[in-house]
Amino acid sequence: MSVGSRVTGLLITIVGLVVGLALWFVLSPSESPEPQRNSEASHDPGSTPGDRTNPARVDNGVADDDPTSPASDDRSRVANSKPTRKRAPTASLDLLSDPATWQAADSDQRRRVAGRVASVLPGFALRGVERVDTTSGPVELATFTHAESGLEFVLVPAGAFFMGSPADEPGRGRFEQQHHVTLSEPFLMSTTEVSQEVWRRVMSGNPTRYDRGAKRPVTHVSWNDARTFCERSGLRLPSEAQWEFACRAGAATRYATGVIAADLERAAWFKPNAGGATHVVGALEPNAYGLYDMHGNVLEWCLDGYGEFAPDSVVDPVRGKGSTQRVLRGGSWKLGPERMRCAARFPVGPAARTHHAGFRPIKPVPMD
């Protein structure tokens, strides 16, 4: 081979090496622009999860939930820009349509509904919604104060029940035929019987002849007297149906406390434990609706006239409008256990005053 051929071959080899090195520098991964674009995108504050395509951060098309990842950080910003609103608990009075619906409501719903009730009843203020120990165990109740009388009231839902007593109930009296009753509206009921101090606040004087005391129930008040008190204070006497519904507080037994007379002693002042006198109102256990002394202490006037119950199913009954007698309910300190029954009725003239009769008022809650 000639010297010229050798030089030519050497030159070709050198050119090949130079071209190879140039290509190596151009195509080197350290100089590739693609990673730089990904790095810039990951730090772009205006980018969204859809801008990134790194397969290490994707699982079935959903970005990794690692809170330290850029994807998670961006998702947080997107989520925070459109906050979700929690649905406000309902304040509909439909929650008072029956006891089961009212009991199923949570505390916040109860407060909202109770606040609405107070807003539609002039003179009433919501005292609170709190758990109270009753004859049926702890129960959450909504209570109110009444400005004119100073009485405390509790919210009683609407509902349906069997009023009266079954034919085989021990101690059953006349005109207690059991029948179905629906109460279409809830109502507030005084947690206690009207005391002597409450009577004086609304009326003048104190008609009570015996067992005087500010916190003891007022007695020697007639049905007419009780109506006058209610008219002056913007309240009303309960119908018999409302009274019995509230007394039972969901119970279908002889007493709200059950069927055994001995159980009454934790909730009622009656002949076996009263010592021949009335007692301070609200001293014993309340029933499941938060009502004290529904059994015993003093008998309580109802709105109705006395008469036979109709056998049919009825709605919001107020009976015996043509009767010359009115009705007392609940038993008293001087009566035995048979007269303490939820269904027991006592016919008395509207002008009669006795040393073991008083009353407790209500306030209907309109559902419209």
Protein backbone atom coordinates (compact mmCIF):
# COMPACT_ATOMS: atom_id res chain seq x y z
CA MET A 1 0.00 0.00 0.00
CA SER A 2 1.29 3.48 -0.90
CA VAL A 3 1.84 6.31 1.54
CA GLY A 4 -1.04 8.25 -0.01
CA SER A 5 -3.49 5.42 0.61
CA ARG A 6 -2.41 5.15 4.24
CA VAL A 7 -2.93 8.88 4.81
CA THR A 8 -6.35 8.75 3.23
CA GLY A 9 -7.43 5.82 5.47
CA LEU A 10 -6.14 7.61 8.56
CA LEU A 11 -8.10 10.73 7.70
CA ILE A 12 -11.33 8.71 7.24
CA THR A 13 -10.84 7.08 10.65
CA ILE A 14 -10.28 10.46 12.35
CA VAL A 15 -13.39 11.94 10.72
CA GLY A 16 -15.42 8.94 11.87
CA LEU A 17 -14.26 9.40 15.45
CA VAL A 18 -15.09 13.12 15.41
CA VAL A 19 -18.59 12.47 14.04
CA GLY A 20 -19.17 9.72 16.60
CA LEU A 21 -18.18 11.98 19.51
CA ALA A 22 -20.37 14.76 18.21
CA LEU A 23 -23.38 12.42 18.01
CA TRP A 24 -22.65 11.12 21.51
CA PHE A 25 -22.71 14.65 23.00
CA VAL A 26 -25.89 15.55 21.12
CA LEU A 27 -27.81 12.44 22.17
CA SER A 28 -26.50 12.16 25.75
CA PRO A 29 -29.41 11.72 28.41
CA SER A 30 -27.89 14.40 30.63
CA GLU A 31 -28.48 16.91 27.86
CA SER A 32 -31.97 15.67 26.87
CA PRO A 33 -34.54 18.53 27.01
CA GLU A 34 -37.49 16.26 27.94
CA PRO A 35 -36.72 15.90 31.68
CA GLN A 36 -36.23 19.66 31.91
CA ARG A 37 -39.79 20.22 30.54
CA ASN A 38 -41.22 17.79 33.11
CA SER A 39 -39.31 19.51 35.92
CA GLU A 40 -40.65 22.91 34.88
CA ALA A 41 -44.22 21.60 34.65
CA SER A 42 -44.06 20.10 38.15
CA HIS A 43 -43.21 23.51 39.61
CA ASP A 44 -45.71 25.51 37.61
CA PRO A 45 -48.24 26.94 40.17
CA GLY A 46 -50.83 27.16 37.43
CA SER A 47 -50.53 23.52 36.38
CA THR A 48 -53.19 20.90 37.08
CA PRO A 49 -52.89 17.13 37.61
CA GLY A 50 -53.73 16.64 33.94
CA ASP A 51 -50.49 18.44 32.89
CA ARG A 52 -48.30 15.67 34.29
CA THR A 53 -47.79 12.33 32.53
CA ASN A 54 -45.11 10.69 34.70
CA PRO A 55 -46.22 7.02 34.81
CA ALA A 56 -44.65 6.62 38.27
CA ARG A 57 -47.39 8.93 39.58
CA VAL A 58 -50.35 7.28 37.81
CA ASP A 59 -52.40 4.26 38.88
CA ASN A 60 -55.24 3.31 36.55
CA GLY A 61 -55.46 6.91 35.42
CA VAL A 62 -55.71 8.34 38.97
CA ALA A 63 -52.85 10.36 40.45
CA ASP A 64 -51.08 8.99 43.54
CA ASP A 65 -52.56 10.22 46.85
CA ASP A 66 -49.13 10.78 48.42
CA PRO A 67 -49.65 14.11 50.28
CA THR A 68 -46.02 15.09 49.57
CA SER A 69 -46.37 14.71 45.79
CA PRO A 70 -46.90 17.69 43.47
CA ALA A 71 -50.05 15.99 42.17
CA SER A 72 -51.56 15.83 45.66
CA ASP A 73 -50.60 19.44 46.35
CA ASP A 74 -52.29 20.61 43.15
CA ARG A 75 -55.42 18.56 43.87
CA SER A 76 -55.63 20.23 47.27
CA ARG A 77 -55.53 23.65 45.64
CA VAL A 78 -58.26 22.67 43.18
CA ALA A 79 -60.43 21.20 45.94
CA ASN A 80 -59.98 24.23 48.17
CA SER A 81 -60.99 26.55 45.34
CA LYS A 82 -64.46 24.90 45.31
CA PRO A 83 -65.34 24.03 48.94
CA THR A 84 -68.18 21.57 49.42
CA ARG A 85 -71.10 22.67 51.59
CA LYS A 86 -72.44 20.42 54.30
CA ARG A 87 -76.18 20.07 54.11
CA ALA A 88 -77.75 21.98 57.00
CA PRO A 89 -79.84 19.86 59.38
CA THR A 90 -83.52 20.35 58.72
CA ALA A 91 -85.64 22.60 60.92
CA SER A 92 -88.92 21.34 59.49
CA LEU A 93 -91.73 20.90 61.99
CA ASP A 94 -92.44 17.61 60.19
CA LEU A 95 -89.94 16.13 62.65
CA LEU A 96 -92.70 16.60 65.25
CA SER A 97 -95.25 14.58 63.29
CA ASP A 98 -94.87 11.55 65.56
CA PRO A 99 -92.76 10.46 68.56
CA ALA A 100 -90.57 8.03 66.57
CA THR A 101 -89.52 10.71 64.05
CA TRP A 102 -88.77 13.18 66.84
CA GLN A 103 -86.73 10.63 68.79
CA ALA A 104 -84.73 9.74 65.66
CA ALA A 105 -83.67 13.37 65.11
CA ASP A 106 -80.13 14.31 66.15
CA SER A 107 -79.34 17.03 68.69
CA ASP A 108 -78.66 19.71 66.10
CA GLN A 109 -81.97 19.02 64.36
CA ARG A 110 -83.80 19.17 67.69
CA ARG A 111 -82.25 22.54 68.50
CA ARG A 112 -83.20 23.94 65.12
CA VAL A 113 -86.78 22.71 65.38
CA ALA A 114 -87.10 23.89 68.98
CA GLY A 115 -85.77 27.30 67.94
CA ARG A 116 -88.37 27.49 65.20
CA VAL A 117 -91.12 26.55 67.66
CA ALA A 118 -90.04 29.38 69.96
CA SER A 119 -90.05 31.80 67.02
CA VAL A 120 -93.70 31.09 66.18
CA LEU A 121 -95.02 31.19 69.75
CA PRO A 122 -94.99 34.70 71.27
CA GLY A 123 -93.98 34.75 74.92
CA PHE A 124 -91.95 31.54 74.76
CA ALA A 125 -88.16 31.29 74.79
CA LEU A 126 -86.10 28.17 74.17
CA ARG A 127 -84.47 27.14 77.42
CA GLY A 128 -82.40 24.36 75.92
CA VAL A 129 -82.16 20.85 74.49
CA GLU A 130 -80.63 18.51 77.05
CA ARG A 131 -80.66 14.96 78.33
CA VAL A 132 -82.91 14.34 81.33
CA ASP A 133 -83.16 11.23 83.51
CA THR A 134 -86.74 9.94 83.31
CA THR A 135 -88.68 6.85 84.40
CA SER A 136 -87.72 5.38 81.00
CA GLY A 137 -84.03 6.28 81.22
CA PRO A 138 -82.10 9.30 79.82
CA VAL A 139 -84.06 11.19 77.16
CA GLU A 140 -83.12 14.33 75.20
CA LEU A 141 -85.83 16.97 75.66
CA ALA A 142 -86.51 20.48 74.36
CA THR A 143 -87.68 22.84 77.11
CA PHE A 144 -89.03 26.39 77.02
CA THR A 145 -89.82 29.18 79.46
CA HIS A 146 -93.04 31.18 79.36
CA ALA A 147 -92.60 34.86 80.16
CA GLU A 148 -96.12 35.60 81.47
CA SER A 149 -96.37 32.71 83.94
CA GLY A 150 -92.74 31.76 84.52
CA LEU A 151 -93.63 28.11 83.89
CA GLU A 152 -91.28 25.69 82.17
CA PHE A 153 -92.71 23.78 79.20
CA VAL A 154 -91.58 20.72 77.30
CA LEU A 155 -92.19 19.92 73.63
CA VAL A 156 -94.59 17.00 73.04
CA PRO A 157 -94.77 15.67 69.44
CA ALA A 158 -97.95 14.90 67.55
CA GLY A 159 -98.88 11.25 67.16
CA ALA A 160 -101.43 8.49 67.50
CA PHE A 161 -102.27 6.09 70.36
CA PHE A 162 -104.99 3.94 71.89
CA MET A 163 -106.85 6.05 74.43
CA GLY A 164 -108.78 4.48 77.28
CA SER A 165 -108.25 1.08 78.87
CA PRO A 166 -108.68 -2.54 77.76
CA ALA A 167 -111.67 -4.39 79.16
CA ASP A 168 -109.49 -6.56 81.43
CA GLU A 169 -107.46 -3.73 83.04
CA PRO A 170 -107.66 -3.95 86.85
CA GLY A 171 -109.48 -0.97 88.37
CA ARG A 172 -111.12 0.00 85.07
CA GLY A 173 -113.87 2.59 85.43
CA ARG A 174 -116.91 3.68 83.48
CA PHE A 175 -116.54 5.31 80.08
CA GLU A 176 -112.98 4.16 79.38
CA GLN A 177 -113.65 2.40 76.08
CA GLN A 178 -110.37 1.90 74.28
CA HIS A 179 -110.22 3.58 70.86
CA HIS A 180 -107.70 5.00 68.38
CA VAL A 181 -106.89 8.72 68.60
CA THR A 182 -104.68 10.87 66.37
CA LEU A 183 -103.30 14.21 67.55
CA SER A 184 -102.40 16.20 64.43
CA GLU A 185 -100.40 18.96 66.14
CA PRO A 186 -97.55 18.96 68.64
CA PHE A 187 -97.89 21.06 71.77
CA LEU A 188 -95.96 22.48 74.67
CA MET A 189 -97.03 21.26 78.11
CA SER A 190 -96.05 22.62 81.49
CA THR A 191 -93.50 20.28 83.02
CA THR A 192 -95.25 20.65 86.40
CA GLU A 193 -98.63 21.44 87.82
CA VAL A 194 -99.24 25.16 88.42
CA SER A 195 -97.69 26.04 91.77
CA GLN A 196 -99.02 28.58 94.25
CA GLU A 197 -96.30 31.10 93.37
CA VAL A 198 -97.11 30.81 89.65
CA TRP A 199 -100.81 31.33 90.41
CA ARG A 200 -100.01 34.52 92.33
CA ARG A 201 -97.85 35.78 89.46
CA VAL A 202 -100.76 35.60 87.01
CA MET A 203 -103.78 35.99 89.29
CA SER A 204 -104.26 37.70 92.65
CA GLY A 205 -104.16 35.97 96.02
CA ASN A 206 -103.84 32.27 96.76
CA PRO A 207 -106.98 30.12 96.89
CA THR A 208 -105.19 27.14 98.47
CA ARG A 209 -106.63 26.47 101.94
CA TYR A 210 -104.32 23.69 103.11
CA ASP A 211 -100.74 22.65 102.41
CA ARG A 212 -99.65 26.15 101.55
CA GLY A 213 -96.20 26.66 100.06
CA ALA A 214 -94.82 28.56 97.08
CA LYS A 215 -93.62 25.41 95.29
CA ARG A 216 -96.63 23.26 96.14
CA PRO A 217 -99.46 22.92 93.63
CA VAL A 218 -102.29 25.43 93.80
CA THR A 219 -105.56 23.80 94.87
CA HIS A 220 -109.18 24.86 95.43
CA VAL A 221 -109.34 26.10 91.85
CA SER A 222 -112.35 25.24 89.72
CA TRP A 223 -112.40 24.45 86.01
CA ASN A 224 -113.66 28.01 85.50
CA ASP A 225 -110.75 29.40 87.56
CA ALA A 226 -108.24 27.38 85.56
CA ARG A 227 -109.73 28.65 82.30
CA THR A 228 -109.41 32.24 83.53
CA PHE A 229 -105.74 31.68 84.40
CA CYS A 230 -105.11 30.28 80.92
CA GLU A 231 -106.89 33.14 79.18
CA ARG A 232 -104.86 35.74 81.07
CA SER A 233 -101.56 34.03 80.32
CA GLY A 234 -102.23 33.08 76.69
CA LEU A 235 -102.37 29.36 77.44
CA ARG A 236 -105.00 26.60 77.34
CA LEU A 237 -106.16 23.54 79.23
CA PRO A 238 -105.28 20.25 77.53
CA SER A 239 -107.95 18.10 75.99
CA GLU A 240 -108.37 14.68 77.60
CA ALA A 241 -106.67 13.14 74.56
CA GLN A 242 -103.67 15.46 74.85
CA TRP A 243 -103.45 14.85 78.58
CA GLU A 244 -103.54 11.04 78.28
CA PHE A 245 -101.11 11.01 75.34
CA ALA A 246 -98.66 13.09 77.40
CA CYS A 247 -99.21 11.00 80.53
CA ARG A 248 -98.53 7.72 78.75
CA ALA A 249 -95.45 9.11 76.95
CA GLY A 250 -95.46 6.07 74.68
CA ALA A 251 -96.54 3.53 77.31
CA ALA A 252 -99.54 1.26 76.77
CA THR A 253 -99.63 0.00 80.36
CA ARG A 254 -101.77 0.96 83.39
CA TYR A 255 -99.20 3.54 84.45
CA ALA A 256 -96.43 5.31 82.58
CA THR A 257 -94.08 3.41 84.90
CA GLY A 258 -95.52 -0.02 83.99
CA VAL A 259 -98.14 -2.33 85.49
CA ILE A 260 -96.95 -2.64 89.09
CA ALA A 261 -98.39 -0.13 91.56
CA ALA A 262 -95.23 -0.20 93.67
CA ASP A 263 -93.30 1.33 90.72
CA LEU A 264 -95.46 4.44 91.06
CA GLU A 265 -93.61 5.58 94.16
CA ARG A 266 -90.70 6.92 92.13
CA ALA A 267 -93.03 9.09 90.02
CA ALA A 268 -96.23 9.77 92.01
CA TRP A 269 -97.40 11.17 95.33
CA PHE A 270 -100.42 9.00 96.17
CA LYS A 271 -102.06 7.49 99.24
CA PRO A 272 -99.27 5.00 100.13
CA ASN A 273 -96.44 7.58 100.16
CA ALA A 274 -97.89 11.12 100.27
CA GLY A 275 -98.53 11.32 104.01
CA GLY A 276 -101.93 12.95 103.54
CA ALA A 277 -100.68 16.13 101.86
CA THR A 278 -99.50 17.68 98.61
CA HIS A 279 -95.79 17.98 97.86
CA VAL A 280 -93.46 20.36 96.04
CA VAL A 281 -94.04 20.05 92.30
CA GLY A 282 -91.38 18.26 90.26
CA ALA A 283 -89.78 16.45 93.21
CA LEU A 284 -90.03 12.91 91.80
CA GLU A 285 -88.97 11.37 88.46
CA PRO A 286 -90.53 12.71 85.25
CA ASN A 287 -92.02 10.46 82.59
CA ALA A 288 -90.39 9.88 79.19
CA TYR A 289 -91.71 13.25 77.91
CA GLY A 290 -90.15 15.12 80.83
CA LEU A 291 -93.46 15.71 82.68
CA TYR A 292 -93.58 15.55 86.48
CA ASP A 293 -96.50 14.41 88.67
CA MET A 294 -98.70 13.21 85.82
CA HIS A 295 -99.66 10.52 88.32
CA GLY A 296 -100.62 11.83 91.75
CA ASN A 297 -100.01 14.99 93.82
CA VAL A 298 -103.19 16.71 92.54
CA LEU A 299 -105.88 15.88 90.00
CA GLU A 300 -105.70 18.00 86.83
CA TRP A 301 -108.48 19.73 84.94
CA CYS A 302 -108.96 18.96 81.23
CA LEU A 303 -110.86 20.98 78.63
CA ASP A 304 -113.47 18.34 77.78
CA GLY A 305 -116.91 17.73 79.11
CA TYR A 306 -117.50 14.30 80.60
CA GLY A 307 -119.15 11.64 78.43
CA GLU A 308 -118.83 8.29 76.75
CA PHE A 309 -116.01 7.81 74.25
CA ALA A 310 -117.00 7.21 70.64
CA PRO A 311 -115.87 3.75 69.49
CA ASP A 312 -114.49 5.01 66.19
CA SER A 313 -111.04 6.31 65.33
CA VAL A 314 -110.98 10.08 65.90
CA VAL A 315 -108.68 13.04 65.25
CA ASP A 316 -108.10 15.83 67.80
CA PRO A 317 -111.19 15.07 69.89
CA VAL A 318 -112.63 17.48 72.46
CA ARG A 319 -115.63 15.64 73.82
CA GLY A 320 -118.79 16.30 75.80
CA LYS A 321 -119.33 19.90 74.78
CA GLY A 322 -122.94 19.69 75.91
CA SER A 323 -122.08 18.03 79.23
CA THR A 324 -122.69 19.76 82.56
CA GLN A 325 -119.57 18.09 83.99
CA ARG A 326 -115.89 18.47 83.25
CA VAL A 327 -113.07 15.95 83.66
CA LEU A 328 -110.21 15.60 86.15
CA ARG A 329 -107.27 13.31 85.39
CA GLY A 330 -104.16 11.83 87.00
CA GLY A 331 -105.09 10.91 90.57
CA SER A 332 -103.95 12.72 93.71
CA TRP A 333 -102.21 12.46 97.07
CA LYS A 334 -105.36 11.05 98.74
CA LEU A 335 -106.22 8.33 96.19
CA GLY A 336 -105.06 4.73 95.80
CA PRO A 337 -103.23 3.10 92.87
CA GLU A 338 -106.41 2.20 90.92
CA ARG A 339 -107.14 5.93 90.56
CA MET A 340 -103.60 6.66 89.33
CA ARG A 341 -104.09 4.80 86.03
CA CYS A 342 -103.41 6.68 82.77
CA ALA A 343 -107.01 6.08 81.63
CA ALA A 344 -108.77 6.97 84.91
CA ARG A 345 -111.41 9.74 84.58
CA PHE A 346 -113.23 11.79 87.23
CA PRO A 347 -116.40 13.78 86.39
CA VAL A 348 -116.79 17.02 88.40
CA GLY A 349 -118.82 20.19 87.91
CA PRO A 350 -116.96 23.18 86.39
CA ALA A 351 -117.49 25.38 89.46
CA ALA A 352 -116.33 22.81 92.02
CA ARG A 353 -113.24 23.54 94.13
CA THR A 354 -111.47 20.79 96.04
CA HIS A 355 -108.32 20.38 98.12
CA HIS A 356 -106.81 17.79 95.75
CA ALA A 357 -107.45 19.31 92.32
CA GLY A 358 -105.25 21.66 90.30
CA PHE A 359 -104.15 21.89 86.67
CA ARG A 360 -101.30 22.27 84.14
CA PRO A 361 -101.65 24.28 80.91
CA ILE A 362 -100.51 23.66 77.35
CA LYS A 363 -99.78 25.70 74.23
CA PRO A 364 -100.58 24.14 70.81
CA VAL A 365 -97.84 24.38 68.16
CA PRO A 366 -99.26 25.15 64.68
CA MET A 367 -97.77 22.93 61.96
CA ASP A 368 -98.36 25.43 59.09
